[in-house]
Structures are given as structure tokens and as C-alpha cells.
Amino acid sequence: MTERKYYRLAIAAFVAFVCSGARSSCGGDQPNEVAARLEATNGTGVPSAVGFSGATPFVVGDPTLVAAEWRRGTGCPTNLSAPFACFASSDPADVDNTGLFLVKTGPTTLDPTIDMSGYPNTVSGELPPYAGVELQGVAGGSVADLIEIGFDLRKPGSNSFFNVAGSQCGLRAPRFNVVTQGAAGVTTHRFYCFDGVVPFDGVNQGWVRLRWLPVQADPPMDLSDTVVSMQIIMDEGQDVVPDQFFGLAVLDNIDVNGVLVGSAQAAAPVDNDHDGEGQGEDEHHNAFHFHGSFTHLDKGRFTYSDRAAHLRFTAKGVQSAGSTGPQCIGLVADGKVNGKPGYNASFEACDLSSSGRVGRFSITITGPNGFHYENTSTVTKGKIKIRA
């Protein structure tokens, strides 16, 4: 593990740790440097070359002390208005505001042979029992194609570590474990919650969006290596010191290269040759998510949000879905704007990945009292799949 130096800072009734040095406390670059790189990476239009299709909870060790579970009604809300509304992008398959519970009850370790006096520097591996989630579809991807990883954390305020309220965000957990294979063999790279970077629009009433870049890995990653697996691990418990340890975290919208998973539902199966799904956003962070089947319209899902206009359209089921051209899909859906019914949206998205871009989209929304909204834009981040 990267050496982490820290000192104790007493504020009111809690204790936290701050690290110093050229690198952050848990590996990787300083947060301001990472934030600048994250801003530069987002919006480059590079399509995801690392697959991501689902997130399966699991526990290791005593199941009476750990739990991992997707639960309805606990996730970042997509059907509420500001300031409680979720971020502009979220999992299009999650229509029930599902959140992921990762819980560890009791101390961080019950093993007397493990030296916890210099935690976390004296600990390198996982500490059972622990809860986690296995990311599906990532195996075989190239480290060179990994742009970002992240998740949303149920927690008030943007300072995820020093704010002790809400979900735990500790020196080690919850964290990403990315296992790679290359010339040096099989290596586990860790991305610690403490190192998470909050995007400029990554805070709402009760949730914080956290992102990590490959340069934050501990130990560093080799661009020539191949991804074997990815997990999110929760192995910190309810220890008294530092007393910010809560032993519980609620996550949502797990992110790999801009593709988000926020429920136990796997990627929608392809039941015919005329199907499409995608999620993305433009340079202004206007975001969309859709899944449309030409033959099962009731299974179609579509959301669109324009943060600047304070507009969010949601639809369960679509009126029509069909090809509008090579690698293009069109949807028409009745739905709600900011939770109010009576609106209709016409949407088209095209996959332009073959030309080195993500895609483009256009949308028109009409509604009561002459309401009219339209936007045509280039997708700068996300992924579109058209099967026609």
C-alpha cells in the first residue's frame, strides 16, 4: 500500500485524519490535480471500450455481521425536484430509486494478529468479514481504455471525508478494487473513498457524486495490462477511533466510463433484432437515458434532464420505437415533467462511434398550456447501442 502520513484533527466531537506529501493519503495524485484531469477527460467524446452491464452484491465471512443488498426506495431520487433531485445522469433501468446497502457491523477486524495500531498503513489486504459488489462485463477490457470509475454516496455536503454525517467514506472503504493482469502478473489496485473527487455539479440534498481516475490507483496501473475484475469493497466497521466510522454506506449509480448501474436489474436482454439503449450527455450536461424495444413498448424507459432549464422528463413505457436511419433510433413517449403528467416527448439518438464520436441526439417535449421545449446536441459522454 502507498505510504500514508496523517495527523489527527479534532473538530467538535469527532476525529478525522489528514495526510500530507506529494500524493494523497490513499494513493494517486492530489485532489486538485485529479479534478483538473477529470474535467479534461469528461466530454472528450471517447466511447467506453470497457464493458459494464451489472453489479451483483456479495458478502465474505460471517453473514450475521455484513450485508450487501440493492433496496428499493433508498437510492438517489429521480422523481423529485430540486434540491432533492438526483444528478443529471443516472441509471436508466432504475425506475424505483434503488440504492445499494453495504454494511459491516462491529470492529474493522476481529483478528488479533492484524496490527491496527498504525491503521491504515499497516493493512494492505481485505479485512473479513466484508460486504461488496461485483461489477459485471468489465473483464477483458484494457487499462488504457479505462477513463473513470465512481459512484454516488448518500451523504450530505461535498466534503465526503470530513463530514461525518451519512454514509461512511473512510480511509479505505468503500473502495474500488480493480484486478489487472499483465507482464508483472495479477495485481489488485485500490481506489479509496477518501481520495474521491467531487465533480463541479456533484452535490445535491443528501448525495455526493465521487469519481476516480486511473492515476489514483494504489499501486499504480500499467496501461498495457488487462482488466480481470472490478469490485467495490466495504470492510471498515464501527470502530471508536476514528469515530467517523459508521460501518454502513448507501451507494447508487456505479460508474465505469460514464455507463451507470443503479439497480440489481441487469442490462436489458436483446429479445429481437430491433432494439436500442443508451445514456449520455452533451457539453452542457443535458442528459438522457433510454431503453426501447420495437416489439415490447411497455418495457421501454426514457428520461431526459436539462439542469439549466430545471427540467426532467420521465416515461415508463413508450408509444413507439423504431429505426430512423443507419444506427439511429427514435422514441415517442408520454410522461411527466418534474413529476407532473400530461407531456409528450419525441426523441432520436444516433450511434456515431464508428466515426470516433459518441453520438448525437434531438428531443422535442410538448405539454399543457402550450409548453414547448426542444434541443439538438452532440453527445460528449456516454454510450449508445443501436440494434437494427
Protein backbone atom coordinates (compact mmCIF):
# COMPACT_ATOMS: atom_id res chain seq x y z
CA MET A 1 0.00 0.00 0.00
CA THR A 2 1.17 3.53 -0.71
CA GLU A 3 2.66 5.08 2.44
CA ARG A 4 0.10 7.40 4.01
CA LYS A 5 1.13 10.01 6.57
CA TYR A 6 -1.54 11.69 8.60
CA TYR A 7 -2.20 13.76 11.68
CA ARG A 8 -5.22 13.99 13.95
CA LEU A 9 -7.56 16.94 13.69
CA ALA A 10 -10.09 17.46 16.48
CA ILE A 11 -13.27 19.25 15.48
CA ALA A 12 -16.15 19.25 17.94
CA ALA A 13 -16.82 15.63 18.90
CA PHE A 14 -15.24 13.76 16.01
CA VAL A 15 -11.79 12.71 14.92
CA ALA A 16 -10.61 12.57 11.30
CA PHE A 17 -7.29 12.03 9.59
CA VAL A 18 -5.49 14.27 7.10
CA CYS A 19 -2.50 13.14 5.06
CA SER A 20 0.35 15.15 3.65
CA GLY A 21 3.01 14.67 0.99
CA ALA A 22 3.22 14.76 -2.78
CA ARG A 23 0.50 12.14 -3.09
CA SER A 24 -2.87 11.99 -1.38
CA SER A 25 -3.42 9.84 1.70
CA CYS A 26 -4.62 6.79 -0.14
CA GLY A 27 -2.62 6.74 -3.34
CA GLY A 28 -2.86 8.77 -6.52
CA ASP A 29 -2.43 12.45 -7.23
CA GLN A 30 -3.52 15.43 -5.16
CA PRO A 31 -7.32 16.05 -5.36
CA ASN A 32 -6.96 19.36 -7.22
CA GLU A 33 -4.76 17.75 -9.86
CA VAL A 34 -7.20 14.88 -10.29
CA ALA A 35 -10.13 17.30 -10.53
CA ALA A 36 -8.40 19.13 -13.37
CA ARG A 37 -7.74 15.87 -15.21
CA LEU A 38 -11.29 14.69 -14.60
CA GLU A 39 -12.65 17.91 -16.09
CA ALA A 40 -10.36 17.45 -19.10
CA THR A 41 -11.35 13.80 -19.54
CA ASN A 42 -15.10 14.35 -19.36
CA GLY A 43 -16.58 15.44 -22.66
CA THR A 44 -13.80 14.13 -24.89
CA GLY A 45 -16.30 12.04 -26.78
CA VAL A 46 -14.33 8.82 -26.33
CA PRO A 47 -16.80 5.90 -26.26
CA SER A 48 -16.44 3.32 -23.49
CA ALA A 49 -14.24 0.42 -24.51
CA VAL A 50 -14.59 -1.25 -21.10
CA GLY A 51 -17.88 -3.10 -20.82
CA PHE A 52 -20.14 -2.68 -17.77
CA SER A 53 -23.52 -4.38 -17.55
CA GLY A 54 -24.45 -5.01 -13.91
CA ALA A 55 -23.48 -5.02 -10.24
CA THR A 56 -24.03 -8.13 -8.10
CA PRO A 57 -23.85 -7.83 -4.27
CA PHE A 58 -21.96 -10.42 -2.20
CA VAL A 59 -20.57 -10.96 1.31
CA VAL A 60 -17.41 -12.70 2.51
CA GLY A 61 -17.27 -14.20 6.01
CA ASP A 62 -19.84 -14.16 8.81
CA PRO A 63 -23.20 -13.17 7.22
CA THR A 64 -24.52 -12.06 10.61
CA LEU A 65 -22.03 -9.16 10.59
CA VAL A 66 -22.10 -7.98 6.96
CA ALA A 67 -24.75 -7.32 4.34
CA ALA A 68 -24.86 -6.26 0.70
CA GLU A 69 -28.21 -5.60 -0.97
CA TRP A 70 -29.96 -3.44 -3.56
CA ARG A 71 -33.07 -1.94 -1.92
CA ARG A 72 -35.96 -0.08 -3.49
CA GLY A 73 -36.61 3.49 -2.33
CA THR A 74 -33.13 4.14 -0.92
CA GLY A 75 -31.27 5.44 -3.97
CA CYS A 76 -30.64 8.86 -5.46
CA PRO A 77 -34.20 10.03 -6.34
CA THR A 78 -35.06 10.52 -10.00
CA ASN A 79 -38.68 11.57 -9.40
CA LEU A 80 -38.15 14.54 -7.08
CA SER A 81 -37.49 18.17 -7.94
CA ALA A 82 -34.54 20.29 -6.75
CA PRO A 83 -32.83 20.32 -4.34
CA PHE A 84 -33.58 16.62 -3.76
CA ALA A 85 -33.46 15.59 -7.42
CA CYS A 86 -30.71 13.19 -8.42
CA PHE A 87 -27.92 14.24 -10.73
CA ALA A 88 -28.47 14.88 -14.43
CA SER A 89 -27.27 11.36 -15.30
CA SER A 90 -28.46 8.18 -13.58
CA ASP A 91 -29.17 4.53 -14.39
CA PRO A 92 -31.98 4.41 -16.99
CA ALA A 93 -33.07 0.95 -15.79
CA ASP A 94 -33.64 2.13 -12.21
CA VAL A 95 -37.23 3.35 -12.03
CA ASP A 96 -37.66 2.55 -8.32
CA ASN A 97 -34.91 4.73 -6.80
CA THR A 98 -32.94 1.64 -5.83
CA GLY A 99 -29.85 2.04 -3.66
CA LEU A 100 -27.05 -0.34 -2.67
CA PHE A 101 -26.53 -1.08 1.04
CA LEU A 102 -23.02 -2.14 2.08
CA VAL A 103 -22.85 -2.80 5.83
CA LYS A 104 -20.26 -4.10 8.28
CA THR A 105 -21.25 -4.48 11.93
CA GLY A 106 -18.70 -4.43 14.75
CA PRO A 107 -14.96 -3.70 14.59
CA THR A 108 -12.96 -3.45 11.41
CA THR A 109 -11.21 -6.71 12.32
CA LEU A 110 -11.61 -9.43 14.93
CA ASP A 111 -8.24 -10.96 14.03
CA PRO A 112 -5.75 -10.27 16.88
CA THR A 113 -2.80 -10.96 14.58
CA ILE A 114 -3.52 -7.91 12.43
CA ASP A 115 -1.72 -4.75 13.56
CA MET A 116 -4.27 -1.94 13.67
CA SER A 117 -2.07 0.50 15.65
CA GLY A 118 -0.96 2.30 12.51
CA TYR A 119 -4.16 1.89 10.50
CA PRO A 120 -4.44 2.18 7.56
CA ASN A 121 -0.70 1.98 6.75
CA THR A 122 -0.33 -1.38 8.48
CA VAL A 123 -3.13 -3.03 6.47
CA SER A 124 -2.95 -3.96 2.80
CA GLY A 125 -5.49 -6.70 2.06
CA GLU A 126 -9.22 -7.07 2.66
CA LEU A 127 -10.43 -7.48 6.25
CA PRO A 128 -13.14 -10.13 6.58
CA PRO A 129 -15.98 -10.24 7.09
CA TYR A 130 -16.84 -7.69 4.43
CA ALA A 131 -19.58 -6.68 2.01
CA GLY A 132 -19.11 -5.91 -1.64
CA VAL A 133 -20.49 -5.77 -5.14
CA GLU A 134 -19.06 -7.45 -8.24
CA LEU A 135 -19.10 -5.40 -11.44
CA GLN A 136 -20.24 -7.41 -14.44
CA GLY A 137 -19.00 -7.17 -18.02
CA VAL A 138 -15.66 -5.48 -17.29
CA ALA A 139 -13.36 -8.48 -17.72
CA GLY A 140 -11.11 -8.29 -20.76
CA GLY A 141 -11.09 -4.51 -21.03
CA SER A 142 -7.82 -2.66 -21.43
CA VAL A 143 -6.50 -0.43 -18.65
CA ALA A 144 -5.59 2.06 -21.39
CA ASP A 145 -9.33 2.36 -22.18
CA LEU A 146 -10.38 2.98 -18.57
CA ILE A 147 -11.39 6.65 -18.30
CA GLU A 148 -13.11 6.94 -14.91
CA ILE A 149 -14.89 4.97 -12.20
CA GLY A 150 -17.19 6.20 -9.48
CA PHE A 151 -20.46 6.07 -7.58
CA ASP A 152 -22.98 8.29 -5.81
CA LEU A 153 -22.83 8.24 -2.00
CA ARG A 154 -25.79 9.03 0.25
CA LYS A 155 -24.22 11.78 2.32
CA PRO A 156 -24.87 15.50 2.87
CA GLY A 157 -22.24 18.04 1.85
CA SER A 158 -19.40 17.99 -0.63
CA ASN A 159 -16.57 17.19 1.81
CA SER A 160 -17.22 13.48 1.86
CA PHE A 161 -14.49 12.52 4.34
CA PHE A 162 -14.61 15.27 6.94
CA ASN A 163 -18.39 15.37 7.05
CA VAL A 164 -19.13 12.51 9.43
CA ALA A 165 -22.89 12.53 8.74
CA GLY A 166 -24.43 9.99 6.41
CA SER A 167 -22.68 7.10 4.71
CA GLN A 168 -19.15 6.21 5.71
CA CYS A 169 -16.38 7.41 3.40
CA GLY A 170 -13.21 6.31 5.14
CA LEU A 171 -9.50 6.00 4.54
CA ARG A 172 -10.04 2.63 2.84
CA ALA A 173 -13.73 1.95 2.33
CA PRO A 174 -15.96 1.81 0.47
CA ARG A 175 -13.35 1.43 -2.27
CA PHE A 176 -12.90 0.08 -5.77
CA ASN A 177 -10.68 -2.97 -6.18
CA VAL A 178 -9.57 -3.29 -9.81
CA VAL A 179 -7.69 -6.51 -10.56
CA THR A 180 -5.47 -6.47 -13.64
CA GLN A 181 -3.17 -8.91 -15.39
CA GLY A 182 -0.03 -8.12 -17.36
CA ALA A 183 3.70 -8.67 -17.55
CA ALA A 184 4.02 -8.30 -13.77
CA GLY A 185 1.29 -10.87 -13.12
CA VAL A 186 -2.05 -10.34 -11.39
CA THR A 187 -2.30 -7.13 -9.33
CA THR A 188 -5.07 -5.60 -7.21
CA HIS A 189 -5.31 -1.81 -7.50
CA ARG A 190 -7.33 0.09 -4.88
CA PHE A 191 -9.20 3.39 -5.17
CA TYR A 192 -10.05 4.70 -1.69
CA CYS A 193 -13.18 6.62 -0.79
CA PHE A 194 -11.09 9.31 0.91
CA ASP A 195 -9.49 10.12 -2.47
CA GLY A 196 -12.77 10.53 -4.34
CA VAL A 197 -13.12 13.74 -6.38
CA VAL A 198 -16.47 15.57 -6.42
CA PRO A 199 -17.38 16.97 -9.88
CA PHE A 200 -18.43 20.62 -10.02
CA ASP A 201 -22.13 19.63 -10.06
CA GLY A 202 -21.73 16.56 -7.85
CA VAL A 203 -23.69 17.57 -4.75
CA ASN A 204 -27.43 17.66 -4.08
CA GLN A 205 -29.58 17.47 -0.95
CA GLY A 206 -28.28 14.25 0.54
CA TRP A 207 -25.99 12.78 -2.14
CA VAL A 208 -22.39 13.26 -3.25
CA ARG A 209 -21.06 12.11 -6.63
CA LEU A 210 -17.50 10.74 -6.40
CA ARG A 211 -15.13 9.95 -9.25
CA TRP A 212 -11.65 8.39 -9.55
CA LEU A 213 -9.17 8.39 -12.43
CA PRO A 214 -6.74 5.52 -13.20
CA VAL A 215 -3.84 7.71 -12.00
CA GLN A 216 -5.23 7.44 -8.44
CA ALA A 217 -4.71 3.67 -8.27
CA ASP A 218 -2.73 2.19 -5.38
CA PRO A 219 -0.43 0.67 -6.60
CA PRO A 220 -0.19 2.43 -9.99
CA MET A 221 -1.72 0.75 -13.04
CA ASP A 222 0.10 -0.26 -16.23
CA LEU A 223 -1.69 0.91 -19.37
CA SER A 224 -0.72 -2.26 -21.18
CA ASP A 225 -2.49 -4.51 -18.64
CA THR A 226 -5.92 -6.11 -18.98
CA VAL A 227 -8.81 -5.78 -16.52
CA VAL A 228 -9.64 -9.09 -14.80
CA SER A 229 -12.35 -7.88 -12.41
CA MET A 230 -13.74 -4.90 -10.51
CA GLN A 231 -15.36 -4.85 -7.09
CA ILE A 232 -16.48 -2.30 -4.54
CA ILE A 233 -15.49 -3.38 -1.02
CA MET A 234 -16.81 -2.29 2.39
CA ASP A 235 -14.54 -3.71 5.11
CA GLU A 236 -14.39 -0.87 7.67
CA GLY A 237 -16.56 -1.34 10.75
CA GLN A 238 -17.83 0.74 13.67
CA ASP A 239 -14.53 1.35 15.46
CA VAL A 240 -14.48 4.10 18.07
CA VAL A 241 -11.38 5.81 16.64
CA PRO A 242 -11.65 7.46 14.25
CA ASP A 243 -15.28 7.84 15.26
CA GLN A 244 -16.36 8.87 11.77
CA PHE A 245 -16.56 5.12 11.14
CA PHE A 246 -20.22 4.18 10.76
CA GLY A 247 -19.84 0.78 9.13
CA LEU A 248 -22.57 1.49 6.58
CA ALA A 249 -22.68 3.12 3.16
CA VAL A 250 -25.52 3.58 0.68
CA LEU A 251 -24.37 3.80 -2.94
CA ASP A 252 -26.08 4.40 -6.25
CA ASN A 253 -25.23 4.89 -9.95
CA ILE A 254 -21.98 2.93 -10.06
CA ASP A 255 -19.96 4.37 -12.93
CA VAL A 256 -17.48 2.81 -15.37
CA ASN A 257 -16.53 5.16 -18.22
CA GLY A 258 -19.82 7.04 -17.95
CA VAL A 259 -22.01 3.92 -18.06
CA LEU A 260 -24.10 3.88 -14.86
CA VAL A 261 -25.69 0.96 -12.99
CA GLY A 262 -28.01 1.83 -10.11
CA SER A 263 -30.10 -1.28 -9.50
CA ALA A 264 -29.95 -5.05 -9.32
CA GLN A 265 -31.51 -5.22 -12.77
CA ALA A 266 -29.07 -6.48 -15.37
CA ALA A 267 -28.77 -4.89 -18.75
CA ALA A 268 -31.99 -5.44 -20.67
CA PRO A 269 -31.86 -8.64 -22.74
CA VAL A 270 -31.99 -8.41 -26.51
CA ASP A 271 -35.22 -10.17 -27.44
CA ASN A 272 -35.22 -9.23 -31.12
CA ASP A 273 -33.06 -7.55 -33.74
CA HIS A 274 -34.66 -4.14 -33.33
CA ASP A 275 -33.62 -2.72 -30.03
CA GLY A 276 -31.67 0.21 -28.64
CA GLU A 277 -30.34 1.50 -25.37
CA GLY A 278 -28.09 4.29 -24.31
CA GLN A 279 -27.20 7.04 -21.91
CA GLY A 280 -25.20 10.17 -22.38
CA GLU A 281 -24.94 13.89 -22.02
CA ASP A 282 -23.82 16.91 -24.02
CA GLU A 283 -21.31 19.58 -23.12
CA HIS A 284 -23.98 21.43 -21.13
CA HIS A 285 -24.73 18.28 -19.08
CA ASN A 286 -28.16 17.81 -20.65
CA ALA A 287 -28.54 14.08 -20.11
CA PHE A 288 -30.67 11.24 -21.48
CA HIS A 289 -31.20 7.55 -20.79
CA PHE A 290 -33.33 5.15 -22.79
CA HIS A 291 -34.12 1.55 -23.50
CA GLY A 292 -36.55 0.83 -26.30
CA SER A 293 -37.84 -2.39 -27.84
CA PHE A 294 -39.69 -2.18 -31.11
CA THR A 295 -41.97 -5.06 -30.12
CA HIS A 296 -42.36 -4.58 -26.35
CA LEU A 297 -43.26 -0.91 -25.99
CA ASP A 298 -44.43 -1.32 -22.39
CA LYS A 299 -40.85 -2.21 -21.43
CA GLY A 300 -39.43 0.98 -22.88
CA ARG A 301 -37.90 3.50 -20.50
CA PHE A 302 -36.81 7.06 -21.18
CA THR A 303 -35.55 10.01 -19.10
CA TYR A 304 -34.13 13.38 -20.09
CA SER A 305 -32.93 16.29 -17.97
CA ASP A 306 -31.84 19.86 -18.65
CA ARG A 307 -30.28 21.22 -15.47
CA ALA A 308 -30.17 24.84 -16.65
CA ALA A 309 -33.87 24.77 -17.56
CA HIS A 310 -34.76 22.88 -14.34
CA LEU A 311 -36.49 20.26 -16.48
CA ARG A 312 -36.68 16.49 -16.05
CA PHE A 313 -38.83 14.26 -18.27
CA THR A 314 -39.54 10.63 -17.30
CA ALA A 315 -41.54 7.95 -19.08
CA LYS A 316 -42.34 4.34 -18.22
CA GLY A 317 -43.33 2.67 -21.45
CA VAL A 318 -43.23 4.31 -24.87
CA GLN A 319 -45.81 4.83 -27.60
CA SER A 320 -43.47 3.93 -30.43
CA ALA A 321 -39.85 2.95 -31.03
CA GLY A 322 -38.19 2.37 -34.35
CA SER A 323 -35.20 2.92 -36.59
CA THR A 324 -34.93 6.41 -38.08
CA GLY A 325 -31.82 5.73 -40.13
CA PRO A 326 -28.46 3.90 -40.02
CA GLN A 327 -27.54 3.38 -36.34
CA CYS A 328 -30.36 5.71 -35.22
CA ILE A 329 -33.40 5.08 -33.05
CA GLY A 330 -36.46 7.21 -32.44
CA LEU A 331 -38.83 7.11 -29.46
CA VAL A 332 -42.17 8.76 -28.74
CA ALA A 333 -43.37 8.67 -25.14
CA ASP A 334 -45.97 10.16 -22.83
CA GLY A 335 -44.57 11.08 -19.45
CA LYS A 336 -44.03 13.58 -16.69
CA VAL A 337 -42.06 16.81 -16.47
CA ASN A 338 -40.79 17.45 -12.94
CA GLY A 339 -43.30 14.92 -11.67
CA LYS A 340 -46.35 16.44 -13.42
CA PRO A 341 -48.17 14.34 -16.07
CA GLY A 342 -49.53 15.36 -19.45
CA TYR A 343 -46.34 15.76 -21.50
CA ASN A 344 -45.14 14.09 -24.69
CA ALA A 345 -41.56 13.67 -25.92
CA SER A 346 -40.15 12.81 -29.34
CA PHE A 347 -36.54 11.68 -29.11
CA GLU A 348 -33.90 10.49 -31.55
CA ALA A 349 -30.37 9.24 -30.85
CA CYS A 350 -27.68 8.06 -33.26
CA ASP A 351 -24.58 5.97 -32.57
CA LEU A 352 -21.56 7.67 -34.20
CA SER A 353 -18.86 5.57 -32.55
CA SER A 354 -17.69 4.26 -35.93
CA SER A 355 -16.57 7.82 -36.77
CA GLY A 356 -14.75 8.31 -33.46
CA ARG A 357 -17.57 10.20 -31.76
CA VAL A 358 -20.15 9.05 -29.20
CA GLY A 359 -23.30 10.20 -30.96
CA ARG A 360 -25.92 12.88 -31.30
CA PHE A 361 -29.48 13.37 -30.09
CA SER A 362 -32.51 15.58 -30.57
CA ILE A 363 -35.60 15.96 -28.42
CA THR A 364 -38.89 17.86 -28.51
CA ILE A 365 -41.23 17.99 -25.50
CA THR A 366 -44.75 19.43 -25.62
CA GLY A 367 -47.32 19.78 -22.88
CA PRO A 368 -50.15 21.71 -21.23
CA ASN A 369 -50.67 25.45 -21.80
CA GLY A 370 -48.57 25.47 -24.98
CA PHE A 371 -45.44 24.12 -23.30
CA HIS A 372 -42.70 23.53 -25.86
CA TYR A 373 -39.06 22.51 -25.37
CA GLU A 374 -36.54 21.30 -27.92
CA ASN A 375 -32.83 20.61 -28.11
CA THR A 376 -30.45 19.09 -30.64
CA SER A 377 -26.91 18.39 -29.49
CA THR A 378 -23.80 16.24 -29.72
CA VAL A 379 -23.25 13.51 -27.15
CA THR A 380 -19.90 14.14 -25.46
CA LYS A 381 -20.05 11.42 -22.83
CA GLY A 382 -21.85 8.10 -22.56
CA LYS A 383 -22.68 5.13 -24.74
CA ILE A 384 -25.35 4.39 -27.36
CA LYS A 385 -26.16 0.92 -28.67
CA ILE A 386 -28.43 0.54 -31.69
CA ARG A 387 -29.54 -2.91 -32.88
CA ALA A 388 -31.50 -2.66 -36.07
